[in-house]
C-alpha cells in the first residue's frame, strides 16, 4: 500500500511537471529561464513576446488537452476490461470509438445541410460534432450491448462482435469520405488519424469537467469493479447489481470516449496499453489502479504528442500514428500471452 501511494504521488508530481515542461520542447525551444521570466514580466511585455504566445496560446493548451484525452481513454479501457473481464477490451475493439468517429464524420459531411435545417453549431455549450459523436458512440454501444443480451455471450465472442461493429462504422466513415467533396474528404481523413493540432481551445473547459467527473465516478465504483473481476455469480452473491453497474459504466465510458473522439479524433491503443502497464506496477485493486491509470494515461499521451510534434521537425505527425506504432506490437504480445495461458 505504501509503495502504491508513492507511485501515485510521483505520477501526480510528474504530470504537473510535464504539463509545464513538455511545452518548452519543439521546433522553437524555450528555455526554463525564459518561462520563469514570463511569470515575473508585466502583462504588456508578455503579450508582445512571441515565445510567450507560443507557450501559452499554442503548446500549453494542447499539452493539457493531450493529458485530458490520455486520462479519459486510459480510464475507459480500464473500466471496459473490468466489466467484461477481457484484457483485450478497449473502446476501439468494442466499436465505441468507430461509432463516435462516424458521428463526427457525418456532422462534418452534412454541416451546411444541418445548419440550414436549423440545427445549431453550438448548443448547451457543446459543439455539434461532440453531440454527433455522443450519438455515434451510443449507437455502437447499443448494438454491442444488445448482442450481449440476445444470448449468453462470452467475453471473447463479445470482443469479436465489437470488432465487427468497429469495421461496420469504419466502412460508413469511408463511404462518407468517398461521396463527399474533396475538401470535406481531406478534413475527415486528417481528423481520423487522431491529432491534437486543429482544436478549439474552448473545448478544454467542458472536457476537464467530463474527465474529472468520470474519474471521480470510477473511483466511487472501485469496489464494484474489484468484485466484477471475480465473476458474475460471485458479484451477485456479494450484493452487486451486475446488470445495472455494467450498463451504467458502459454508458459512461461511451460518452467519455465520444467527447474525446469528437475533439481529438480516434487515438488508438491508449486504453489498451496504459491499464496493463499500470496493473503490472500496482495490481488490480481499483482503489489504487484508478488514480494511477488517470495520471499515467495523461503522461503517456502528452509524451506521445510531444514526440509527434518534435520528432519530424518539417511537419507535425498526428499523435494517433505514434500510439498505433506503439500499440500494434503491444496488442500482439498480449494476444500471444493470452493464447499461452
C-alpha atoms as a PDB file:
ATOM      1  CA  UNK A   1       0.000   0.000   0.000  1.00  0.00           C
ATOM      2  CA  UNK A   2       2.835   2.392   0.869  1.00  0.00           C
ATOM      3  CA  UNK A   3       4.536   1.646  -2.459  1.00  0.00           C
ATOM      4  CA  UNK A   4       1.280   2.345  -4.319  1.00  0.00           C
ATOM      5  CA  UNK A   5       0.863   5.692  -2.589  1.00  0.00           C
ATOM      6  CA  UNK A   6       4.418   6.650  -3.509  1.00  0.00           C
ATOM      7  CA  UNK A   7       3.705   5.774  -7.149  1.00  0.00           C
ATOM      8  CA  UNK A   8       0.506   7.875  -7.149  1.00  0.00           C
ATOM      9  CA  UNK A   9       2.286  10.884  -5.611  1.00  0.00           C
ATOM     10  CA  UNK A  10       5.188  10.505  -8.048  1.00  0.00           C
ATOM     11  CA  UNK A  11       2.855  10.340 -11.069  1.00  0.00           C
ATOM     12  CA  UNK A  12       0.882  13.334  -9.798  1.00  0.00           C
ATOM     13  CA  UNK A  13       4.037  15.438  -9.464  1.00  0.00           C
ATOM     14  CA  UNK A  14       5.392  14.167 -12.791  1.00  0.00           C
ATOM     15  CA  UNK A  15       2.099  15.066 -14.520  1.00  0.00           C
ATOM     16  CA  UNK A  16       2.246  18.614 -13.184  1.00  0.00           C
ATOM     17  CA  UNK A  17       5.916  18.880 -14.138  1.00  0.00           C
ATOM     18  CA  UNK A  18       5.188  17.552 -17.647  1.00  0.00           C
ATOM     19  CA  UNK A  19       2.324  19.995 -18.147  1.00  0.00           C
ATOM     20  CA  UNK A  20       4.772  22.910 -17.891  1.00  0.00           C
ATOM     21  CA  UNK A  21       7.986  21.257 -19.139  1.00  0.00           C
ATOM     22  CA  UNK A  22       6.792  19.488 -22.305  1.00  0.00           C
ATOM     23  CA  UNK A  23       5.512  22.728 -23.933  1.00  0.00           C
ATOM     24  CA  UNK A  24       9.070  24.066 -23.728  1.00  0.00           C
ATOM     25  CA  UNK A  25      10.118  21.481 -26.332  1.00  0.00           C
ATOM     26  CA  UNK A  26       9.552  21.947 -30.040  1.00  0.00           C
ATOM     27  CA  UNK A  27      10.953  23.446 -33.207  1.00  0.00           C
ATOM     28  CA  UNK A  28      11.427  26.647 -31.239  1.00  0.00           C
ATOM     29  CA  UNK A  29      12.959  25.638 -27.935  1.00  0.00           C
ATOM     30  CA  UNK A  30      12.003  27.692 -24.895  1.00  0.00           C
ATOM     31  CA  UNK A  31      14.447  27.670 -22.005  1.00  0.00           C
ATOM     32  CA  UNK A  32      13.173  27.256 -18.433  1.00  0.00           C
ATOM     33  CA  UNK A  33      14.692  30.635 -17.557  1.00  0.00           C
ATOM     34  CA  UNK A  34      12.573  32.286 -20.262  1.00  0.00           C
ATOM     35  CA  UNK A  35       9.485  30.586 -18.869  1.00  0.00           C
ATOM     36  CA  UNK A  36      10.296  31.875 -15.370  1.00  0.00           C
ATOM     37  CA  UNK A  37      10.769  35.326 -16.869  1.00  0.00           C
ATOM     38  CA  UNK A  38       7.208  35.156 -18.236  1.00  0.00           C
ATOM     39  CA  UNK A  39       5.882  34.750 -14.716  1.00  0.00           C
ATOM     40  CA  UNK A  40       7.548  37.916 -13.427  1.00  0.00           C
ATOM     41  CA  UNK A  41       7.248  40.154 -16.511  1.00  0.00           C
ATOM     42  CA  UNK A  42       4.456  42.716 -16.883  1.00  0.00           C
ATOM     43  CA  UNK A  43       1.393  41.859 -18.959  1.00  0.00           C
ATOM     44  CA  UNK A  44       2.287  44.148 -21.910  1.00  0.00           C
ATOM     45  CA  UNK A  45       5.710  42.529 -22.288  1.00  0.00           C
ATOM     46  CA  UNK A  46       4.226  39.035 -22.062  1.00  0.00           C
ATOM     47  CA  UNK A  47       1.589  39.713 -24.708  1.00  0.00           C
ATOM     48  CA  UNK A  48       4.178  41.096 -27.137  1.00  0.00           C
ATOM     49  CA  UNK A  49       6.698  38.282 -26.646  1.00  0.00           C
ATOM     50  CA  UNK A  50       6.363  35.587 -29.382  1.00  0.00           C
ATOM     51  CA  UNK A  51       7.734  32.895 -27.061  1.00  0.00           C
ATOM     52  CA  UNK A  52       5.041  33.715 -24.532  1.00  0.00           C
ATOM     53  CA  UNK A  53       2.355  33.392 -27.206  1.00  0.00           C
ATOM     54  CA  UNK A  54       3.814  30.103 -28.458  1.00  0.00           C
ATOM     55  CA  UNK A  55       3.890  28.668 -24.956  1.00  0.00           C
ATOM     56  CA  UNK A  56       0.547  29.823 -23.508  1.00  0.00           C
ATOM     57  CA  UNK A  57      -1.621  30.099 -26.641  1.00  0.00           C
ATOM     58  CA  UNK A  58      -0.360  27.084 -28.565  1.00  0.00           C
ATOM     59  CA  UNK A  59       1.668  24.447 -26.733  1.00  0.00           C
ATOM     60  CA  UNK A  60       0.317  24.629 -23.192  1.00  0.00           C
ATOM     61  CA  UNK A  61      -3.405  24.185 -24.036  1.00  0.00           C
ATOM     62  CA  UNK A  62      -2.654  21.357 -26.477  1.00  0.00           C
ATOM     63  CA  UNK A  63      -0.462  19.588 -23.935  1.00  0.00           C
ATOM     64  CA  UNK A  64      -3.275  19.939 -21.401  1.00  0.00           C
ATOM     65  CA  UNK A  65      -5.731  18.567 -23.972  1.00  0.00           C
ATOM     66  CA  UNK A  66      -3.465  15.584 -24.662  1.00  0.00           C
ATOM     67  CA  UNK A  67      -3.317  14.866 -20.918  1.00  0.00           C
ATOM     68  CA  UNK A  68      -7.108  15.008 -20.583  1.00  0.00           C
ATOM     69  CA  UNK A  69      -7.583  12.748 -23.608  1.00  0.00           C
ATOM     70  CA  UNK A  70      -4.944  10.303 -22.346  1.00  0.00           C
ATOM     71  CA  UNK A  71      -6.573  10.076 -18.923  1.00  0.00           C
ATOM     72  CA  UNK A  72     -10.060   9.571 -20.367  1.00  0.00           C
ATOM     73  CA  UNK A  73      -9.030   6.916 -22.889  1.00  0.00           C
ATOM     74  CA  UNK A  74      -6.926   5.029 -20.333  1.00  0.00           C
ATOM     75  CA  UNK A  75      -9.724   5.055 -17.736  1.00  0.00           C
ATOM     76  CA  UNK A  76     -12.277   3.856 -20.288  1.00  0.00           C
ATOM     77  CA  UNK A  77     -10.007   0.971 -21.255  1.00  0.00           C
ATOM     78  CA  UNK A  78      -9.519   0.032 -17.601  1.00  0.00           C
ATOM     79  CA  UNK A  79     -13.283   0.128 -16.984  1.00  0.00           C
ATOM     80  CA  UNK A  80     -14.272  -1.932 -20.019  1.00  0.00           C
ATOM     81  CA  UNK A  81     -11.613  -4.541 -19.273  1.00  0.00           C
ATOM     82  CA  UNK A  82     -13.011  -4.894 -15.755  1.00  0.00           C
ATOM     83  CA  UNK A  83     -16.720  -5.074 -16.571  1.00  0.00           C
ATOM     84  CA  UNK A  84     -16.209  -7.556 -19.440  1.00  0.00           C
ATOM     85  CA  UNK A  85     -13.279  -9.392 -17.801  1.00  0.00           C
ATOM     86  CA  UNK A  86     -11.254  -9.388 -21.004  1.00  0.00           C
ATOM     87  CA  UNK A  87      -7.751  -7.868 -21.152  1.00  0.00           C
ATOM     88  CA  UNK A  88      -8.111  -7.030 -24.867  1.00  0.00           C
ATOM     89  CA  UNK A  89     -11.289  -4.967 -24.457  1.00  0.00           C
ATOM     90  CA  UNK A  90     -10.932  -1.267 -25.296  1.00  0.00           C
ATOM     91  CA  UNK A  91     -13.245   1.457 -26.667  1.00  0.00           C
ATOM     92  CA  UNK A  92     -11.818   0.633 -30.081  1.00  0.00           C
ATOM     93  CA  UNK A  93     -12.174  -3.142 -30.058  1.00  0.00           C
ATOM     94  CA  UNK A  94     -15.802  -2.710 -28.905  1.00  0.00           C
ATOM     95  CA  UNK A  95     -16.566  -0.288 -31.738  1.00  0.00           C
ATOM     96  CA  UNK A  96     -17.355   2.676 -29.473  1.00  0.00           C
ATOM     97  CA  UNK A  97     -14.628   4.886 -30.944  1.00  0.00           C
ATOM     98  CA  UNK A  98     -15.597   3.951 -34.507  1.00  0.00           C
ATOM     99  CA  UNK A  99     -19.217   4.839 -33.755  1.00  0.00           C
ATOM    100  CA  UNK A 100     -18.131   8.215 -32.423  1.00  0.00           C
ATOM    101  CA  UNK A 101     -15.902   8.694 -35.475  1.00  0.00           C
ATOM    102  CA  UNK A 102     -18.878   8.008 -37.750  1.00  0.00           C
ATOM    103  CA  UNK A 103     -20.956  10.581 -35.852  1.00  0.00           C
ATOM    104  CA  UNK A 104     -18.322  13.287 -36.246  1.00  0.00           C
ATOM    105  CA  UNK A 105     -17.731  12.395 -39.923  1.00  0.00           C
ATOM    106  CA  UNK A 106     -21.475  12.670 -40.533  1.00  0.00           C
ATOM    107  CA  UNK A 107     -21.514  16.078 -38.831  1.00  0.00           C
ATOM    108  CA  UNK A 108     -18.601  17.302 -40.971  1.00  0.00           C
ATOM    109  CA  UNK A 109     -20.163  15.952 -44.166  1.00  0.00           C
ATOM    110  CA  UNK A 110     -23.637  17.385 -43.571  1.00  0.00           C
ATOM    111  CA  UNK A 111     -22.518  20.595 -41.870  1.00  0.00           C
ATOM    112  CA  UNK A 112     -24.206  23.056 -44.266  1.00  0.00           C
ATOM    113  CA  UNK A 113     -27.363  20.948 -44.555  1.00  0.00           C
ATOM    114  CA  UNK A 114     -27.673  20.617 -40.755  1.00  0.00           C
ATOM    115  CA  UNK A 115     -27.312  24.391 -40.343  1.00  0.00           C
ATOM    116  CA  UNK A 116     -29.974  25.066 -42.980  1.00  0.00           C
ATOM    117  CA  UNK A 117     -32.291  22.651 -41.152  1.00  0.00           C
ATOM    118  CA  UNK A 118     -31.974  24.770 -38.011  1.00  0.00           C
ATOM    119  CA  UNK A 119     -29.582  22.518 -36.072  1.00  0.00           C
ATOM    120  CA  UNK A 120     -27.217  24.978 -34.323  1.00  0.00           C
ATOM    121  CA  UNK A 121     -23.447  24.633 -34.434  1.00  0.00           C
ATOM    122  CA  UNK A 122     -23.253  25.082 -30.652  1.00  0.00           C
ATOM    123  CA  UNK A 123     -25.986  24.193 -28.194  1.00  0.00           C
ATOM    124  CA  UNK A 124     -25.869  23.562 -24.463  1.00  0.00           C
ATOM    125  CA  UNK A 125     -22.270  24.755 -24.528  1.00  0.00           C
ATOM    126  CA  UNK A 126     -21.034  21.883 -26.721  1.00  0.00           C
ATOM    127  CA  UNK A 127     -20.383  21.924 -30.462  1.00  0.00           C
ATOM    128  CA  UNK A 128     -22.370  19.884 -32.954  1.00  0.00           C
ATOM    129  CA  UNK A 129     -19.589  17.310 -33.673  1.00  0.00           C
ATOM    130  CA  UNK A 130     -19.461  16.440 -29.970  1.00  0.00           C
ATOM    131  CA  UNK A 131     -23.214  15.741 -29.897  1.00  0.00           C
ATOM    132  CA  UNK A 132     -22.945  13.635 -33.053  1.00  0.00           C
ATOM    133  CA  UNK A 133     -20.014  11.765 -31.501  1.00  0.00           C
ATOM    134  CA  UNK A 134     -22.174  11.068 -28.446  1.00  0.00           C
ATOM    135  CA  UNK A 135     -24.886   9.729 -30.735  1.00  0.00           C
ATOM    136  CA  UNK A 136     -22.490   7.537 -32.723  1.00  0.00           C
ATOM    137  CA  UNK A 137     -20.870   6.072 -29.613  1.00  0.00           C
ATOM    138  CA  UNK A 138     -24.322   5.415 -28.118  1.00  0.00           C
ATOM    139  CA  UNK A 139     -25.374   3.652 -31.300  1.00  0.00           C
ATOM    140  CA  UNK A 140     -22.295   1.406 -31.249  1.00  0.00           C
ATOM    141  CA  UNK A 141     -22.704   0.774 -27.523  1.00  0.00           C
ATOM    142  CA  UNK A 142     -26.352  -0.156 -28.013  1.00  0.00           C
ATOM    143  CA  UNK A 143     -25.532  -2.665 -30.754  1.00  0.00           C
ATOM    144  CA  UNK A 144     -22.802  -4.353 -28.701  1.00  0.00           C
ATOM    145  CA  UNK A 145     -24.958  -4.397 -25.569  1.00  0.00           C
ATOM    146  CA  UNK A 146     -27.928  -5.891 -27.450  1.00  0.00           C
ATOM    147  CA  UNK A 147     -25.672  -8.583 -28.867  1.00  0.00           C
ATOM    148  CA  UNK A 148     -24.586  -9.432 -25.334  1.00  0.00           C
ATOM    149  CA  UNK A 149     -28.229  -9.615 -24.178  1.00  0.00           C
ATOM    150  CA  UNK A 150     -29.596 -11.706 -27.041  1.00  0.00           C
ATOM    151  CA  UNK A 151     -27.774 -14.776 -25.835  1.00  0.00           C
ATOM    152  CA  UNK A 152     -25.239 -15.686 -23.177  1.00  0.00           C
ATOM    153  CA  UNK A 153     -22.199 -14.264 -24.911  1.00  0.00           C
ATOM    154  CA  UNK A 154     -18.692 -14.966 -23.674  1.00  0.00           C
ATOM    155  CA  UNK A 155     -16.194 -12.133 -23.391  1.00  0.00           C
ATOM    156  CA  UNK A 156     -14.291 -13.441 -26.423  1.00  0.00           C
ATOM    157  CA  UNK A 157     -17.475 -13.526 -28.520  1.00  0.00           C
ATOM    158  CA  UNK A 158     -18.375 -10.036 -27.335  1.00  0.00           C
ATOM    159  CA  UNK A 159     -14.926  -8.836 -28.366  1.00  0.00           C
ATOM    160  CA  UNK A 160     -15.410 -10.310 -31.845  1.00  0.00           C
ATOM    161  CA  UNK A 161     -18.846  -8.675 -32.059  1.00  0.00           C
ATOM    162  CA  UNK A 162     -17.269  -5.352 -31.096  1.00  0.00           C
ATOM    163  CA  UNK A 163     -14.608  -5.718 -33.772  1.00  0.00           C
ATOM    164  CA  UNK A 164     -17.352  -6.409 -36.329  1.00  0.00           C
ATOM    165  CA  UNK A 165     -19.230  -3.282 -35.200  1.00  0.00           C
ATOM    166  CA  UNK A 166     -15.987  -1.313 -35.428  1.00  0.00           C
ATOM    167  CA  UNK A 167     -15.424  -2.435 -39.017  1.00  0.00           C
ATOM    168  CA  UNK A 168     -19.042  -1.595 -39.858  1.00  0.00           C
ATOM    169  CA  UNK A 169     -18.786   2.002 -38.655  1.00  0.00           C
ATOM    170  CA  UNK A 170     -15.311   2.378 -40.188  1.00  0.00           C
ATOM    171  CA  UNK A 171     -16.849   1.354 -43.530  1.00  0.00           C
ATOM    172  CA  UNK A 172     -19.522   4.024 -43.093  1.00  0.00           C
ATOM    173  CA  UNK A 173     -16.798   6.623 -42.450  1.00  0.00           C
ATOM    174  CA  UNK A 174     -15.001   5.543 -45.651  1.00  0.00           C
ATOM    175  CA  UNK A 175     -18.297   5.780 -47.552  1.00  0.00           C
ATOM    176  CA  UNK A 176     -18.793   9.357 -46.351  1.00  0.00           C
ATOM    177  CA  UNK A 177     -15.259  10.207 -47.439  1.00  0.00           C
ATOM    178  CA  UNK A 178     -15.945   8.794 -50.902  1.00  0.00           C
ATOM    179  CA  UNK A 179     -19.241  10.545 -51.603  1.00  0.00           C
ATOM    180  CA  UNK A 180     -18.458  13.989 -50.185  1.00  0.00           C
ATOM    181  CA  UNK A 181     -16.445  16.773 -51.812  1.00  0.00           C
ATOM    182  CA  UNK A 182     -12.603  16.700 -51.715  1.00  0.00           C
ATOM    183  CA  UNK A 183     -12.286  19.438 -49.091  1.00  0.00           C
ATOM    184  CA  UNK A 184     -14.513  17.647 -46.604  1.00  0.00           C
ATOM    185  CA  UNK A 185     -12.894  14.326 -47.506  1.00  0.00           C
ATOM    186  CA  UNK A 186      -9.488  15.702 -46.547  1.00  0.00           C
ATOM    187  CA  UNK A 187     -10.883  17.118 -43.287  1.00  0.00           C
ATOM    188  CA  UNK A 188     -12.381  13.751 -42.363  1.00  0.00           C
ATOM    189  CA  UNK A 189      -9.228  11.856 -43.386  1.00  0.00           C
ATOM    190  CA  UNK A 190      -6.954  14.194 -41.430  1.00  0.00           C
ATOM    191  CA  UNK A 191      -9.240  14.049 -38.400  1.00  0.00           C
ATOM    192  CA  UNK A 192      -9.492  10.226 -38.402  1.00  0.00           C
ATOM    193  CA  UNK A 193      -5.719   9.986 -37.973  1.00  0.00           C
ATOM    194  CA  UNK A 194      -6.139  11.315 -34.442  1.00  0.00           C
ATOM    195  CA  UNK A 195      -4.396  14.536 -33.562  1.00  0.00           C
ATOM    196  CA  UNK A 196      -4.237  17.488 -31.210  1.00  0.00           C
ATOM    197  CA  UNK A 197      -3.270  20.173 -33.710  1.00  0.00           C
ATOM    198  CA  UNK A 198      -6.560  21.519 -35.057  1.00  0.00           C
ATOM    199  CA  UNK A 199      -8.687  22.060 -31.981  1.00  0.00           C
ATOM    200  CA  UNK A 200     -10.875  24.711 -30.422  1.00  0.00           C
ATOM    201  CA  UNK A 201      -9.315  25.793 -27.135  1.00  0.00           C
ATOM    202  CA  UNK A 202     -12.858  26.434 -25.867  1.00  0.00           C
ATOM    203  CA  UNK A 203     -13.327  22.657 -25.680  1.00  0.00           C
ATOM    204  CA  UNK A 204     -10.923  22.441 -22.758  1.00  0.00           C
ATOM    205  CA  UNK A 205     -13.370  23.535 -20.050  1.00  0.00           C
ATOM    206  CA  UNK A 206     -16.156  21.022 -20.833  1.00  0.00           C
ATOM    207  CA  UNK A 207     -13.589  18.259 -21.357  1.00  0.00           C
ATOM    208  CA  UNK A 208     -11.940  18.999 -17.994  1.00  0.00           C
ATOM    209  CA  UNK A 209     -15.353  18.679 -16.317  1.00  0.00           C
ATOM    210  CA  UNK A 210     -16.160  15.451 -18.187  1.00  0.00           C
ATOM    211  CA  UNK A 211     -12.834  13.728 -17.458  1.00  0.00           C
ATOM    212  CA  UNK A 212     -12.668  14.746 -13.781  1.00  0.00           C
ATOM    213  CA  UNK A 213     -16.294  13.698 -13.208  1.00  0.00           C
ATOM    214  CA  UNK A 214     -15.653  10.386 -14.990  1.00  0.00           C
ATOM    215  CA  UNK A 215     -12.564   9.699 -12.861  1.00  0.00           C
ATOM    216  CA  UNK A 216     -14.428  10.552  -9.639  1.00  0.00           C
ATOM    217  CA  UNK A 217     -17.338   8.237 -10.513  1.00  0.00           C
ATOM    218  CA  UNK A 218     -14.982   5.378 -11.383  1.00  0.00           C
ATOM    219  CA  UNK A 219     -13.170   5.802  -8.077  1.00  0.00           C
ATOM    220  CA  UNK A 220     -16.544   5.687  -6.310  1.00  0.00           C
ATOM    221  CA  UNK A 221     -17.301   2.403  -8.110  1.00  0.00           C
ATOM    222  CA  UNK A 222     -13.902   0.884  -7.283  1.00  0.00           C
ATOM    223  CA  UNK A 223     -15.435  -1.743  -5.008  1.00  0.00           C
ATOM    224  CA  UNK A 224     -17.889  -2.860  -7.700  1.00  0.00           C
ATOM    225  CA  UNK A 225     -15.118  -3.012 -10.306  1.00  0.00           C
ATOM    226  CA  UNK A 226     -12.999  -5.149  -7.981  1.00  0.00           C
ATOM    227  CA  UNK A 227     -15.893  -7.528  -7.359  1.00  0.00           C
ATOM    228  CA  UNK A 228     -16.772  -7.784 -11.067  1.00  0.00           C
ATOM    229  CA  UNK A 229     -13.292  -9.179 -11.680  1.00  0.00           C
ATOM    230  CA  UNK A 230     -14.205 -12.218  -9.543  1.00  0.00           C
ATOM    231  CA  UNK A 231     -17.069 -13.217 -11.856  1.00  0.00           C
ATOM    232  CA  UNK A 232     -20.789 -12.541 -12.254  1.00  0.00           C
ATOM    233  CA  UNK A 233     -22.046 -15.159  -9.799  1.00  0.00           C
ATOM    234  CA  UNK A 234     -19.632 -14.052  -7.085  1.00  0.00           C
ATOM    235  CA  UNK A 235     -20.545 -10.401  -7.677  1.00  0.00           C
ATOM    236  CA  UNK A 236     -24.278 -11.136  -7.376  1.00  0.00           C
ATOM    237  CA  UNK A 237     -23.712 -13.074  -4.153  1.00  0.00           C
ATOM    238  CA  UNK A 238     -21.884 -10.041  -2.722  1.00  0.00           C
ATOM    239  CA  UNK A 239     -24.841  -7.764  -3.465  1.00  0.00           C
ATOM    240  CA  UNK A 240     -23.630  -6.084  -6.656  1.00  0.00           C
ATOM    241  CA  UNK A 241     -26.378  -5.362  -9.196  1.00  0.00           C
ATOM    242  CA  UNK A 242     -24.232  -6.561 -12.076  1.00  0.00           C
ATOM    243  CA  UNK A 243     -26.573  -5.586 -14.929  1.00  0.00           C
ATOM    244  CA  UNK A 244     -27.149  -2.030 -13.707  1.00  0.00           C
ATOM    245  CA  UNK A 245     -23.492  -1.426 -12.868  1.00  0.00           C
ATOM    246  CA  UNK A 246     -22.332  -2.728 -16.235  1.00  0.00           C
ATOM    247  CA  UNK A 247     -24.764  -0.717 -18.319  1.00  0.00           C
ATOM    248  CA  UNK A 248     -24.125   2.453 -16.301  1.00  0.00           C
ATOM    249  CA  UNK A 249     -20.329   2.221 -16.564  1.00  0.00           C
ATOM    250  CA  UNK A 250     -20.566   1.111 -20.198  1.00  0.00           C
ATOM    251  CA  UNK A 251     -22.757   4.134 -20.979  1.00  0.00           C
ATOM    252  CA  UNK A 252     -20.471   6.492 -19.059  1.00  0.00           C
ATOM    253  CA  UNK A 253     -17.356   5.178 -20.817  1.00  0.00           C
ATOM    254  CA  UNK A 254     -19.036   5.507 -24.214  1.00  0.00           C
ATOM    255  CA  UNK A 255     -19.978   9.129 -23.558  1.00  0.00           C
ATOM    256  CA  UNK A 256     -16.470   9.992 -22.384  1.00  0.00           C
ATOM    257  CA  UNK A 257     -14.842   8.354 -25.393  1.00  0.00           C
ATOM    258  CA  UNK A 258     -17.358  10.117 -27.656  1.00  0.00           C
ATOM    259  CA  UNK A 259     -16.338  13.516 -26.271  1.00  0.00           C
ATOM    260  CA  UNK A 260     -12.618  12.755 -26.691  1.00  0.00           C
ATOM    261  CA  UNK A 261     -13.013  11.401 -30.224  1.00  0.00           C
ATOM    262  CA  UNK A 262     -15.106  14.429 -31.223  1.00  0.00           C
ATOM    263  CA  UNK A 263     -12.296  16.797 -30.223  1.00  0.00           C
ATOM    264  CA  UNK A 264      -9.117  14.811 -30.930  1.00  0.00           C
ATOM    265  CA  UNK A 265     -10.184  12.135 -33.382  1.00  0.00           C
ATOM    266  CA  UNK A 266      -9.744   8.408 -32.781  1.00  0.00           C
ATOM    267  CA  UNK A 267      -6.436   7.924 -30.916  1.00  0.00           C
ATOM    268  CA  UNK A 268      -5.942   4.199 -30.611  1.00  0.00           C
ATOM    269  CA  UNK A 269      -4.314   1.820 -28.123  1.00  0.00           C
ATOM    270  CA  UNK A 270      -4.062   4.209 -25.160  1.00  0.00           C
ATOM    271  CA  UNK A 271      -6.919   2.349 -23.459  1.00  0.00           C
ATOM    272  CA  UNK A 272      -5.109  -0.924 -24.056  1.00  0.00           C
ATOM    273  CA  UNK A 273      -1.514  -0.176 -23.100  1.00  0.00           C
ATOM    274  CA  UNK A 274      -1.876   2.120 -20.094  1.00  0.00           C
ATOM    275  CA  UNK A 275      -4.159  -0.096 -17.909  1.00  0.00           C
ATOM    276  CA  UNK A 276      -1.968  -3.151 -18.500  1.00  0.00           C
ATOM    277  CA  UNK A 277       1.241  -1.324 -17.642  1.00  0.00           C
ATOM    278  CA  UNK A 278      -0.372   0.124 -14.507  1.00  0.00           C
ATOM    279  CA  UNK A 279      -1.681  -3.284 -13.376  1.00  0.00           C
ATOM    280  CA  UNK A 280       1.840  -4.622 -13.738  1.00  0.00           C
ATOM    281  CA  UNK A 281       3.038  -1.944 -11.282  1.00  0.00           C
ATOM    282  CA  UNK A 282       0.239  -1.761  -8.708  1.00  0.00           C
ATOM    283  CA  UNK A 283      -2.062  -4.764  -9.259  1.00  0.00           C
ATOM    284  CA  UNK A 284      -5.803  -4.844  -9.948  1.00  0.00           C
ATOM    285  CA  UNK A 285      -7.218  -3.055  -6.911  1.00  0.00           C
ATOM    286  CA  UNK A 286      -9.193  -0.230  -8.498  1.00  0.00           C
ATOM    287  CA  UNK A 287      -8.880   1.984  -5.417  1.00  0.00           C
ATOM    288  CA  UNK A 288      -5.193   2.241  -6.358  1.00  0.00           C
ATOM    289  CA  UNK A 289      -5.408   1.461 -10.068  1.00  0.00           C
ATOM    290  CA  UNK A 290      -7.855   4.256 -10.943  1.00  0.00           C
ATOM    291  CA  UNK A 291      -5.641   7.223  -9.885  1.00  0.00           C
ATOM    292  CA  UNK A 292      -2.529   5.511 -11.286  1.00  0.00           C
ATOM    293  CA  UNK A 293      -4.211   4.996 -14.672  1.00  0.00           C
ATOM    294  CA  UNK A 294      -5.534   8.581 -14.589  1.00  0.00           C
ATOM    295  CA  UNK A 295      -2.104  10.165 -14.123  1.00  0.00           C
ATOM    296  CA  UNK A 296      -0.079   7.726 -16.213  1.00  0.00           C
ATOM    297  CA  UNK A 297      -2.559   7.994 -19.096  1.00  0.00           C
ATOM    298  CA  UNK A 298      -2.101  11.763 -19.007  1.00  0.00           C
ATOM    299  CA  UNK A 299       1.694  11.482 -19.031  1.00  0.00           C
ATOM    300  CA  UNK A 300       1.721   8.799 -21.727  1.00  0.00           C
ATOM    301  CA  UNK A 301      -0.317  10.687 -24.324  1.00  0.00           C
ATOM    302  CA  UNK A 302       1.341  14.031 -23.530  1.00  0.00           C
ATOM    303  CA  UNK A 303       4.759  12.466 -24.186  1.00  0.00           C
ATOM    304  CA  UNK A 304       3.455  10.848 -27.395  1.00  0.00           C
ATOM    305  CA  UNK A 305       2.093  14.214 -28.520  1.00  0.00           C
ATOM    306  CA  UNK A 306       5.408  15.920 -27.779  1.00  0.00           C
ATOM    307  CA  UNK A 307       7.216  13.260 -29.814  1.00  0.00           C
ATOM    308  CA  UNK A 308       4.762  13.708 -32.686  1.00  0.00           C
ATOM    309  CA  UNK A 309       5.478  17.436 -32.961  1.00  0.00           C
ATOM    310  CA  UNK A 310       9.242  17.325 -32.335  1.00  0.00           C
ATOM    311  CA  UNK A 311      10.467  14.073 -33.943  1.00  0.00           C
ATOM    312  CA  UNK A 312       9.773  15.248 -37.505  1.00  0.00           C
ATOM    313  CA  UNK A 313      10.691  18.933 -37.499  1.00  0.00           C
ATOM    314  CA  UNK A 314       9.350  19.516 -41.031  1.00  0.00           C
ATOM    315  CA  UNK A 315       5.810  18.595 -40.020  1.00  0.00           C
ATOM    316  CA  UNK A 316       3.635  17.618 -37.055  1.00  0.00           C
ATOM    317  CA  UNK A 317       2.776  13.934 -37.147  1.00  0.00           C
ATOM    318  CA  UNK A 318      -0.728  13.005 -35.900  1.00  0.00           C
ATOM    319  CA  UNK A 319      -0.360  11.584 -32.397  1.00  0.00           C
ATOM    320  CA  UNK A 320      -2.644   8.677 -33.340  1.00  0.00           C
ATOM    321  CA  UNK A 321       0.126   7.375 -35.611  1.00  0.00           C
ATOM    322  CA  UNK A 322       2.600   7.342 -32.702  1.00  0.00           C
ATOM    323  CA  UNK A 323       0.216   5.466 -30.382  1.00  0.00           C
ATOM    324  CA  UNK A 324      -0.609   2.961 -33.136  1.00  0.00           C
ATOM    325  CA  UNK A 325       3.072   2.295 -33.787  1.00  0.00           C
ATOM    326  CA  UNK A 326       3.481   1.509 -30.086  1.00  0.00           C
ATOM    327  CA  UNK A 327       0.142  -0.231 -29.611  1.00  0.00           C
ATOM    328  CA  UNK A 328       0.266  -2.649 -32.543  1.00  0.00           C
ATOM    329  CA  UNK A 329       3.175  -4.739 -31.184  1.00  0.00           C
ATOM    330  CA  UNK A 330       1.776  -4.389 -27.643  1.00  0.00           C
ATOM    331  CA  UNK A 331      -1.566  -5.879 -28.761  1.00  0.00           C
ATOM    332  CA  UNK A 332       0.181  -8.798 -30.477  1.00  0.00           C
ATOM    333  CA  UNK A 333       2.223  -9.536 -27.348  1.00  0.00           C
ATOM    334  CA  UNK A 334      -0.940  -9.565 -25.214  1.00  0.00           C
ATOM    335  CA  UNK A 335      -2.680 -11.797 -27.728  1.00  0.00           C
ATOM    336  CA  UNK A 336       0.186 -14.292 -27.786  1.00  0.00           C
ATOM    337  CA  UNK A 337       0.425 -14.347 -23.972  1.00  0.00           C
ATOM    338  CA  UNK A 338      -3.316 -14.937 -23.712  1.00  0.00           C
ATOM    339  CA  UNK A 339      -3.098 -17.928 -26.049  1.00  0.00           C
ATOM    340  CA  UNK A 340      -0.302 -19.424 -23.958  1.00  0.00           C
ATOM    341  CA  UNK A 341      -2.440 -19.227 -20.821  1.00  0.00           C
END
